[in-house]
Amino acid sequence: MKQHRSWAPRARWSAVIAAVALAAVAGTAFAATSHSSHAAKYPGKKIAQELARTKAALDKYRSVDVAKAAGYVAASPCAATPIDRNQTSYGGGMGIHYMNMAFMAPGAPSVATKPPILVYAPKAGGGLELVAAEYFQPDADQNVKTDGDRPSIFGRAFDGPMLGHAPGMPIHYDLHVWLWKHNPSGMFASWNPDVTCP
């Protein structure tokens, strides 16, 4: 997959994010990193409580209309990749990304109740189901070989730094948190084998 290091002006972010998701649908994946571990599948009690509080605060976004009213905008088709159960991360689906540009800005802190991205999966009978929150932060020095600014949330370091997945997307860190859909690959895995796209 060809990846690019240039930073997109804020006005171009929507197009950039859409291109990211389209790349995923075409068979490319968001970068997997060595930070996935068996232990991350089973958060400790304190982290589990924090996750539960965050889920409760974000449950209002189960309605995609509420998410839209709060500034989240659909930025992708349903993203999926082939499943390989012989790998640590199985692959599978992510879903449809709804992004809030206010929380995507460089320097925006990772606040549990303000995820830059909400991920929805298509329901069998129609409509969308909220499945995950995704946290995102551009890398300060835009160098994949350094990670002094790696963020963390829920006691978990973000994946990355990774190259952008589309023209204009910066080197960045991200972290998926599957708060509403069980993920056999782990609570913080990028892809969920139980999420499918039409």
Protein backbone atom coordinates (compact mmCIF):
# COMPACT_ATOMS: atom_id res chain seq x y z
CA MET A 1 0.00 0.00 0.00
CA LYS A 2 1.38 3.41 -0.92
CA GLN A 3 1.26 5.78 1.98
CA HIS A 4 1.89 9.50 2.17
CA ARG A 5 3.38 11.79 4.80
CA SER A 6 1.94 15.19 3.89
CA TRP A 7 -0.52 16.90 6.22
CA ALA A 8 -3.87 17.89 4.76
CA PRO A 9 -5.27 21.35 5.41
CA ARG A 10 -8.25 21.19 7.71
CA ALA A 11 -10.68 21.94 4.88
CA ARG A 12 -9.56 18.80 3.06
CA TRP A 13 -9.96 16.41 6.00
CA SER A 14 -13.36 15.06 4.97
CA ALA A 15 -12.05 14.05 1.57
CA VAL A 16 -8.92 12.58 3.14
CA ILE A 17 -10.85 10.49 5.63
CA ALA A 18 -13.20 9.25 2.92
CA ALA A 19 -10.16 8.19 0.90
CA VAL A 20 -8.81 6.36 3.95
CA ALA A 21 -11.95 4.34 4.31
CA LEU A 22 -12.13 3.65 0.58
CA ALA A 23 -8.58 2.31 0.74
CA ALA A 24 -9.66 -0.07 3.49
CA VAL A 25 -12.61 -1.29 1.43
CA ALA A 26 -10.28 -1.88 -1.48
CA GLY A 27 -8.39 -4.39 0.63
CA THR A 28 -5.78 -2.33 2.40
CA ALA A 29 -5.74 -2.29 6.17
CA PHE A 30 -5.13 0.26 8.84
CA ALA A 31 -1.65 -0.58 10.09
CA ALA A 32 -1.42 -3.33 12.68
CA THR A 33 1.20 -2.90 15.37
CA SER A 34 2.93 -4.93 18.03
CA HIS A 35 0.90 -3.24 20.77
CA SER A 36 -1.92 -5.80 20.48
CA SER A 37 -1.67 -8.41 23.20
CA HIS A 38 -3.70 -11.18 24.75
CA ALA A 39 -3.89 -9.20 27.99
CA ALA A 40 -5.48 -6.26 26.18
CA LYS A 41 -8.51 -8.44 25.43
CA TYR A 42 -9.34 -8.59 29.10
CA PRO A 43 -9.08 -5.19 30.80
CA GLY A 44 -8.53 -5.08 34.55
CA LYS A 45 -11.31 -4.03 36.91
CA LYS A 46 -10.39 -0.33 37.05
CA ILE A 47 -10.13 -0.04 33.27
CA ALA A 48 -13.34 -2.04 32.83
CA GLN A 49 -15.13 0.48 35.06
CA GLU A 50 -13.74 3.38 33.02
CA LEU A 51 -14.84 1.68 29.81
CA ALA A 52 -18.32 1.16 31.27
CA ARG A 53 -18.58 4.84 32.22
CA THR A 54 -17.44 5.90 28.77
CA LYS A 55 -19.91 3.57 27.08
CA ALA A 56 -22.74 4.96 29.21
CA ALA A 57 -21.76 8.53 28.28
CA LEU A 58 -21.63 7.66 24.57
CA ASP A 59 -24.76 5.46 24.45
CA LYS A 60 -26.73 8.48 23.18
CA TYR A 61 -24.88 8.03 19.88
CA ARG A 62 -26.54 4.69 19.28
CA SER A 63 -28.84 6.95 17.29
CA VAL A 64 -26.88 8.09 14.27
CA ASP A 65 -29.14 11.15 14.10
CA VAL A 66 -27.93 12.21 17.54
CA ALA A 67 -24.33 11.73 16.37
CA LYS A 68 -24.98 13.89 13.30
CA ALA A 69 -26.53 16.61 15.44
CA ALA A 70 -23.36 16.56 17.59
CA GLY A 71 -21.12 17.15 14.56
CA TYR A 72 -20.28 13.64 13.39
CA VAL A 73 -20.30 13.30 9.60
CA ALA A 74 -20.34 10.10 7.55
CA ALA A 75 -16.92 9.82 5.93
CA SER A 76 -16.70 6.31 4.54
CA PRO A 77 -18.51 3.35 3.10
CA CYS A 78 -18.43 0.17 5.19
CA ALA A 79 -14.77 -0.83 5.59
CA ALA A 80 -13.77 -4.51 5.67
CA THR A 81 -10.75 -6.71 5.02
CA PRO A 82 -10.34 -10.50 4.56
CA ILE A 83 -10.41 -12.59 7.73
CA ASP A 84 -7.41 -14.78 8.59
CA ARG A 85 -7.96 -16.57 11.91
CA ASN A 86 -4.36 -17.82 11.86
CA GLN A 87 -3.18 -14.28 12.61
CA THR A 88 -3.14 -12.45 15.95
CA SER A 89 -5.64 -9.96 14.54
CA TYR A 90 -8.22 -11.79 12.46
CA GLY A 91 -9.25 -8.99 10.11
CA GLY A 92 -12.93 -8.57 9.38
CA GLY A 93 -14.89 -5.32 9.38
CA MET A 94 -14.70 -1.90 10.91
CA GLY A 95 -17.90 -0.41 9.60
CA ILE A 96 -18.88 3.09 8.52
CA HIS A 97 -16.81 5.89 10.00
CA TYR A 98 -18.51 9.02 11.31
CA MET A 99 -16.00 11.72 12.15
CA ASN A 100 -16.12 14.85 14.23
CA MET A 101 -13.60 17.31 12.84
CA ALA A 102 -13.48 19.30 16.08
CA PHE A 103 -11.92 16.27 17.79
CA MET A 104 -9.57 15.49 14.86
CA ALA A 105 -7.65 18.76 15.01
CA PRO A 106 -3.90 18.62 15.71
CA GLY A 107 -3.28 18.97 19.43
CA ALA A 108 -6.80 17.90 20.41
CA PRO A 109 -6.49 15.79 23.58
CA SER A 110 -7.71 12.21 23.73
CA VAL A 111 -10.84 12.54 25.84
CA ALA A 112 -12.72 9.30 26.43
CA THR A 113 -16.15 10.88 26.00
CA LYS A 114 -15.13 12.79 22.85
CA PRO A 115 -13.91 10.19 20.36
CA PRO A 116 -12.97 11.73 17.01
CA ILE A 117 -14.59 8.79 15.23
CA LEU A 118 -17.69 6.71 15.86
CA VAL A 119 -17.99 3.47 13.92
CA TYR A 120 -21.35 2.06 12.81
CA ALA A 121 -22.06 -1.33 11.24
CA PRO A 122 -24.98 -2.04 8.92
CA LYS A 123 -27.79 -4.02 10.58
CA ALA A 124 -29.27 -7.03 8.81
CA GLY A 125 -32.73 -5.46 8.69
CA GLY A 126 -31.47 -2.04 7.66
CA GLY A 127 -30.18 0.92 9.61
CA LEU A 128 -26.94 1.30 11.51
CA GLU A 129 -25.64 -0.10 14.80
CA LEU A 130 -23.01 1.74 16.85
CA VAL A 131 -20.15 -0.71 17.39
CA ALA A 132 -16.96 1.17 18.30
CA ALA A 133 -15.27 4.44 19.14
CA GLU A 134 -11.97 5.28 17.50
CA TYR A 135 -9.40 7.67 18.95
CA PHE A 136 -6.94 9.44 16.63
CA GLN A 137 -3.93 11.71 17.10
CA PRO A 138 -1.45 13.05 14.52
CA ASP A 139 2.19 12.29 15.34
CA ALA A 140 3.90 15.50 16.50
CA ASP A 141 7.20 15.07 14.67
CA GLN A 142 5.82 13.10 11.69
CA ASN A 143 8.51 10.45 12.11
CA VAL A 144 7.49 6.78 12.28
CA LYS A 145 10.78 5.94 14.02
CA THR A 146 10.00 7.97 17.14
CA ASP A 147 7.06 7.66 19.51
CA GLY A 148 7.73 10.05 22.37
CA ASP A 149 4.27 11.53 22.02
CA ARG A 150 2.38 8.22 21.89
CA PRO A 151 -1.00 8.82 23.54
CA SER A 152 -2.86 6.32 25.67
CA ILE A 153 -6.39 5.91 26.91
CA PHE A 154 -8.03 3.25 29.07
CA GLY A 155 -4.53 2.16 30.12
CA ARG A 156 -3.80 1.25 26.51
CA ALA A 157 -1.16 2.82 24.24
CA PHE A 158 -2.42 3.88 20.81
CA ASP A 159 -1.31 1.86 17.78
CA GLY A 160 1.35 3.56 15.65
CA PRO A 161 2.94 5.79 14.74
CA MET A 162 1.84 4.74 11.28
CA LEU A 163 1.98 6.31 7.87
CA GLY A 164 -1.19 7.88 6.54
CA HIS A 165 -3.41 5.58 4.52
CA ALA A 166 -4.33 8.13 1.86
CA PRO A 167 -2.87 11.26 0.25
CA GLY A 168 -2.69 14.07 2.78
CA MET A 169 -3.26 11.92 5.85
CA PRO A 170 -0.50 12.47 8.43
CA ILE A 171 1.62 9.98 10.29
CA HIS A 172 -0.59 9.26 13.27
CA TYR A 173 -1.65 7.07 16.17
CA ASP A 174 -5.10 5.54 16.51
CA LEU A 175 -6.98 3.15 18.74
CA HIS A 176 -10.28 1.33 18.24
CA VAL A 177 -12.39 0.53 21.29
CA TRP A 178 -15.20 -1.96 20.67
CA LEU A 179 -17.61 -0.78 23.36
CA TRP A 180 -20.85 -1.97 21.76
CA LYS A 181 -19.81 -5.06 19.77
CA HIS A 182 -17.82 -8.03 21.07
CA ASN A 183 -14.57 -8.44 19.16
CA PRO A 184 -12.94 -11.90 19.19
CA SER A 185 -9.66 -10.21 18.22
CA GLY A 186 -9.75 -8.07 21.37
CA MET A 187 -11.37 -4.94 22.76
CA PHE A 188 -8.70 -2.73 21.16
CA ALA A 189 -8.08 -4.55 17.85
CA SER A 190 -8.48 -2.58 14.63
CA TRP A 191 -10.67 -5.11 12.80
CA ASN A 192 -13.59 -7.14 14.10
CA PRO A 193 -14.33 -10.52 12.46
CA ASP A 194 -17.92 -10.28 13.71
CA VAL A 195 -18.57 -7.11 11.68
CA THR A 196 -19.50 -7.63 8.04
CA CYS A 197 -20.26 -5.27 5.19
CA PRO A 198 -22.97 -5.81 2.56
